[in-house]
Amino acid sequence: MQAGRLVNINSKYQQIKYLLDSDEEICKYQIEYDGLRKAIDYLKRVHNYTIYRNDCQCGLHPRKHFSYEKDWASDYAKS
């Protein structure tokens, strides 16, 4: 077995979790997934993630939408 990142690349949920854990700010147009809000809600409820919602400035869609980022400090607060 190869050590390193174990992410099922076919799972959008795992991709979202990995990106947030890597301190990436994501929106549904960047990852091309309409179920992003549900995945964010699941991470907040089940995994106790602290995730912030921001006005997205990606420019990939003309309408206003949100981006999400994980609070990196919450990882250290659990220690």
N, C-alpha and C. Protein backbone atom coordinates (compact mmCIF):
# COMPACT_ATOMS: atom_id res chain seq x y z
N MET A 1 0.85 -1.19 0.00
CA MET A 1 0.00 0.00 0.00
C MET A 1 0.89 1.24 0.00
N GLN A 2 0.53 2.17 -0.80
CA GLN A 2 1.30 3.40 -0.93
C GLN A 2 0.86 4.41 0.12
N ALA A 3 1.84 4.98 0.82
CA ALA A 3 1.53 5.98 1.83
C ALA A 3 1.20 7.30 1.16
N GLY A 4 0.47 8.14 1.86
CA GLY A 4 0.15 9.46 1.31
C GLY A 4 -1.33 9.72 1.35
N ARG A 5 -1.78 10.51 0.44
CA ARG A 5 -3.16 10.97 0.38
C ARG A 5 -4.08 9.84 -0.07
N LEU A 6 -5.12 9.59 0.70
CA LEU A 6 -6.10 8.57 0.34
C LEU A 6 -7.43 9.26 0.05
N VAL A 7 -7.61 9.69 -1.18
CA VAL A 7 -8.82 10.39 -1.58
C VAL A 7 -9.41 9.64 -2.77
N ASN A 8 -10.67 9.31 -2.65
CA ASN A 8 -11.37 8.69 -3.76
C ASN A 8 -11.68 9.78 -4.77
N ILE A 9 -10.97 9.80 -5.88
CA ILE A 9 -11.12 10.89 -6.84
C ILE A 9 -12.49 10.88 -7.52
N ASN A 10 -13.23 9.79 -7.37
CA ASN A 10 -14.57 9.72 -7.96
C ASN A 10 -15.63 10.30 -7.02
N SER A 11 -15.26 10.62 -5.80
CA SER A 11 -16.21 11.13 -4.82
C SER A 11 -16.05 12.65 -4.69
N LYS A 12 -17.09 13.38 -5.06
CA LYS A 12 -17.04 14.84 -4.93
C LYS A 12 -16.93 15.24 -3.47
N TYR A 13 -17.60 14.49 -2.58
CA TYR A 13 -17.51 14.80 -1.15
C TYR A 13 -16.07 14.71 -0.67
N GLN A 14 -15.34 13.67 -1.04
CA GLN A 14 -13.96 13.51 -0.62
C GLN A 14 -13.07 14.61 -1.23
N GLN A 15 -13.36 15.01 -2.46
CA GLN A 15 -12.61 16.10 -3.09
C GLN A 15 -12.83 17.40 -2.33
N ILE A 16 -14.07 17.67 -1.96
CA ILE A 16 -14.40 18.89 -1.22
C ILE A 16 -13.70 18.89 0.13
N LYS A 17 -13.77 17.77 0.85
CA LYS A 17 -13.13 17.64 2.15
C LYS A 17 -11.62 17.84 2.03
N TYR A 18 -11.02 17.24 1.02
CA TYR A 18 -9.58 17.39 0.83
C TYR A 18 -9.20 18.84 0.53
N LEU A 19 -9.95 19.51 -0.35
CA LEU A 19 -9.65 20.91 -0.68
C LEU A 19 -9.78 21.82 0.54
N LEU A 20 -10.83 21.62 1.33
CA LEU A 20 -11.01 22.43 2.54
C LEU A 20 -9.91 22.15 3.56
N ASP A 21 -9.53 20.88 3.70
CA ASP A 21 -8.44 20.53 4.62
C ASP A 21 -7.10 21.09 4.15
N SER A 22 -7.00 21.37 2.85
CA SER A 22 -5.77 21.93 2.28
C SER A 22 -5.80 23.46 2.26
N ASP A 23 -6.73 24.05 3.00
CA ASP A 23 -6.88 25.50 3.11
C ASP A 23 -7.21 26.17 1.78
N GLU A 24 -7.98 25.50 0.94
CA GLU A 24 -8.44 26.06 -0.31
C GLU A 24 -9.81 26.70 -0.10
N GLU A 25 -10.07 27.78 -0.80
CA GLU A 25 -11.39 28.39 -0.82
C GLU A 25 -12.07 27.88 -2.07
N ILE A 26 -13.29 27.33 -1.93
CA ILE A 26 -13.95 26.69 -3.07
C ILE A 26 -15.35 27.24 -3.28
N CYS A 27 -15.81 27.19 -4.52
CA CYS A 27 -17.19 27.51 -4.85
C CYS A 27 -17.71 26.43 -5.81
N LYS A 28 -19.03 26.41 -6.02
CA LYS A 28 -19.60 25.35 -6.83
C LYS A 28 -19.20 25.45 -8.30
N TYR A 29 -18.78 26.60 -8.75
CA TYR A 29 -18.36 26.74 -10.15
C TYR A 29 -16.91 26.30 -10.34
N GLN A 30 -16.10 26.44 -9.31
CA GLN A 30 -14.71 25.99 -9.40
C GLN A 30 -14.61 24.47 -9.42
N ILE A 31 -15.45 23.81 -8.61
CA ILE A 31 -15.38 22.36 -8.56
C ILE A 31 -16.47 21.69 -9.40
N GLU A 32 -17.33 22.49 -10.01
CA GLU A 32 -18.40 22.02 -10.89
C GLU A 32 -19.29 20.99 -10.20
N TYR A 33 -19.86 21.41 -9.05
CA TYR A 33 -20.71 20.52 -8.27
C TYR A 33 -21.84 21.33 -7.63
N ASP A 34 -23.08 21.03 -8.03
CA ASP A 34 -24.22 21.76 -7.51
C ASP A 34 -24.59 21.37 -6.08
N GLY A 35 -24.09 20.23 -5.59
CA GLY A 35 -24.40 19.77 -4.24
C GLY A 35 -23.43 20.25 -3.19
N LEU A 36 -22.69 21.31 -3.50
CA LEU A 36 -21.67 21.81 -2.57
C LEU A 36 -22.27 22.21 -1.23
N ARG A 37 -23.39 22.87 -1.22
CA ARG A 37 -24.00 23.32 0.04
C ARG A 37 -24.33 22.13 0.95
N LYS A 38 -24.82 21.05 0.36
CA LYS A 38 -25.15 19.86 1.15
C LYS A 38 -23.90 19.23 1.75
N ALA A 39 -22.82 19.19 0.97
CA ALA A 39 -21.56 18.65 1.47
C ALA A 39 -21.02 19.52 2.60
N ILE A 40 -21.12 20.84 2.45
CA ILE A 40 -20.66 21.76 3.49
C ILE A 40 -21.48 21.55 4.77
N ASP A 41 -22.79 21.42 4.63
CA ASP A 41 -23.66 21.19 5.78
C ASP A 41 -23.29 19.89 6.48
N TYR A 42 -23.02 18.85 5.72
CA TYR A 42 -22.64 17.56 6.30
C TYR A 42 -21.32 17.67 7.07
N LEU A 43 -20.36 18.35 6.50
CA LEU A 43 -19.08 18.53 7.18
C LEU A 43 -19.25 19.31 8.48
N LYS A 44 -20.13 20.28 8.48
CA LYS A 44 -20.37 21.07 9.69
C LYS A 44 -21.08 20.25 10.76
N ARG A 45 -22.11 19.50 10.37
CA ARG A 45 -22.91 18.75 11.34
C ARG A 45 -22.21 17.50 11.85
N VAL A 46 -21.66 16.71 10.97
CA VAL A 46 -21.11 15.40 11.34
C VAL A 46 -19.65 15.47 11.78
N HIS A 47 -18.85 16.27 11.09
CA HIS A 47 -17.42 16.34 11.38
C HIS A 47 -17.03 17.58 12.19
N ASN A 48 -18.02 18.39 12.58
CA ASN A 48 -17.80 19.59 13.40
C ASN A 48 -16.79 20.56 12.78
N TYR A 49 -16.81 20.69 11.46
CA TYR A 49 -15.96 21.66 10.79
C TYR A 49 -16.52 23.06 11.02
N THR A 50 -15.63 24.03 11.17
CA THR A 50 -16.03 25.43 11.16
C THR A 50 -15.70 25.94 9.78
N ILE A 51 -16.75 26.28 9.01
CA ILE A 51 -16.58 26.69 7.62
C ILE A 51 -17.23 28.05 7.44
N TYR A 52 -16.47 28.96 6.85
CA TYR A 52 -16.96 30.31 6.60
C TYR A 52 -17.49 30.43 5.17
N ARG A 53 -18.54 31.21 5.03
CA ARG A 53 -19.13 31.49 3.72
C ARG A 53 -18.79 32.93 3.35
N ASN A 54 -18.23 33.11 2.16
CA ASN A 54 -17.82 34.44 1.68
C ASN A 54 -18.49 34.74 0.35
N ASP A 55 -18.56 36.02 0.00
CA ASP A 55 -18.96 36.39 -1.36
C ASP A 55 -17.82 35.99 -2.28
N CYS A 56 -18.12 35.17 -3.26
CA CYS A 56 -17.07 34.64 -4.14
C CYS A 56 -16.68 35.68 -5.20
N GLN A 57 -15.38 35.76 -5.43
CA GLN A 57 -14.83 36.70 -6.41
C GLN A 57 -14.15 35.96 -7.56
N CYS A 58 -14.55 34.72 -7.85
CA CYS A 58 -13.84 33.90 -8.83
C CYS A 58 -14.05 34.38 -10.27
N GLY A 59 -15.17 35.02 -10.54
CA GLY A 59 -15.44 35.50 -11.89
C GLY A 59 -15.89 34.43 -12.87
N LEU A 60 -16.20 33.24 -12.37
CA LEU A 60 -16.62 32.14 -13.25
C LEU A 60 -18.11 32.20 -13.59
N HIS A 61 -18.86 33.02 -12.88
CA HIS A 61 -20.30 33.13 -13.14
C HIS A 61 -20.72 34.56 -12.89
N PRO A 62 -21.59 35.12 -13.74
CA PRO A 62 -21.96 36.53 -13.60
C PRO A 62 -22.82 36.83 -12.36
N ARG A 63 -23.53 35.84 -11.85
CA ARG A 63 -24.39 36.06 -10.69
C ARG A 63 -23.61 35.93 -9.39
N LYS A 64 -24.10 36.63 -8.38
CA LYS A 64 -23.50 36.55 -7.05
C LYS A 64 -23.65 35.13 -6.50
N HIS A 65 -22.58 34.61 -5.93
CA HIS A 65 -22.62 33.31 -5.29
C HIS A 65 -21.59 33.27 -4.18
N PHE A 66 -21.56 32.19 -3.44
CA PHE A 66 -20.70 32.10 -2.26
C PHE A 66 -19.55 31.12 -2.46
N SER A 67 -18.47 31.39 -1.75
CA SER A 67 -17.36 30.45 -1.66
C SER A 67 -17.26 30.03 -0.20
N TYR A 68 -16.58 28.92 0.04
CA TYR A 68 -16.47 28.36 1.38
C TYR A 68 -15.02 28.09 1.70
N GLU A 69 -14.65 28.33 2.97
CA GLU A 69 -13.31 28.02 3.42
C GLU A 69 -13.37 27.53 4.86
N LYS A 70 -12.50 26.60 5.17
CA LYS A 70 -12.44 26.02 6.51
C LYS A 70 -11.62 26.93 7.42
N ASP A 71 -12.06 27.04 8.66
CA ASP A 71 -11.31 27.79 9.66
C ASP A 71 -10.11 26.96 10.09
N TRP A 72 -8.95 27.33 9.64
CA TRP A 72 -7.74 26.55 9.95
C TRP A 72 -7.44 26.54 11.44
N ALA A 73 -7.84 27.56 12.17
CA ALA A 73 -7.55 27.62 13.61
C ALA A 73 -8.36 26.59 14.38
N SER A 74 -9.47 26.12 13.82
CA SER A 74 -10.29 25.14 14.53
C SER A 74 -9.56 23.80 14.68
N ASP A 75 -8.60 23.51 13.81
CA ASP A 75 -7.81 22.29 13.93
C ASP A 75 -6.96 22.32 15.19
N TYR A 76 -6.49 23.49 15.57
CA TYR A 76 -5.62 23.61 16.74
C TYR A 76 -6.42 23.74 18.03
N ALA A 77 -7.66 24.19 17.94
CA ALA A 77 -8.48 24.36 19.12
C ALA A 77 -8.91 23.02 19.72
N LYS A 78 -8.93 21.97 18.90
CA LYS A 78 -9.35 20.64 19.36
C LYS A 78 -8.26 19.96 20.18
N SER A 79 -7.04 20.44 20.11
CA SER A 79 -5.92 19.79 20.81
C SER A 79 -5.99 20.00 22.30
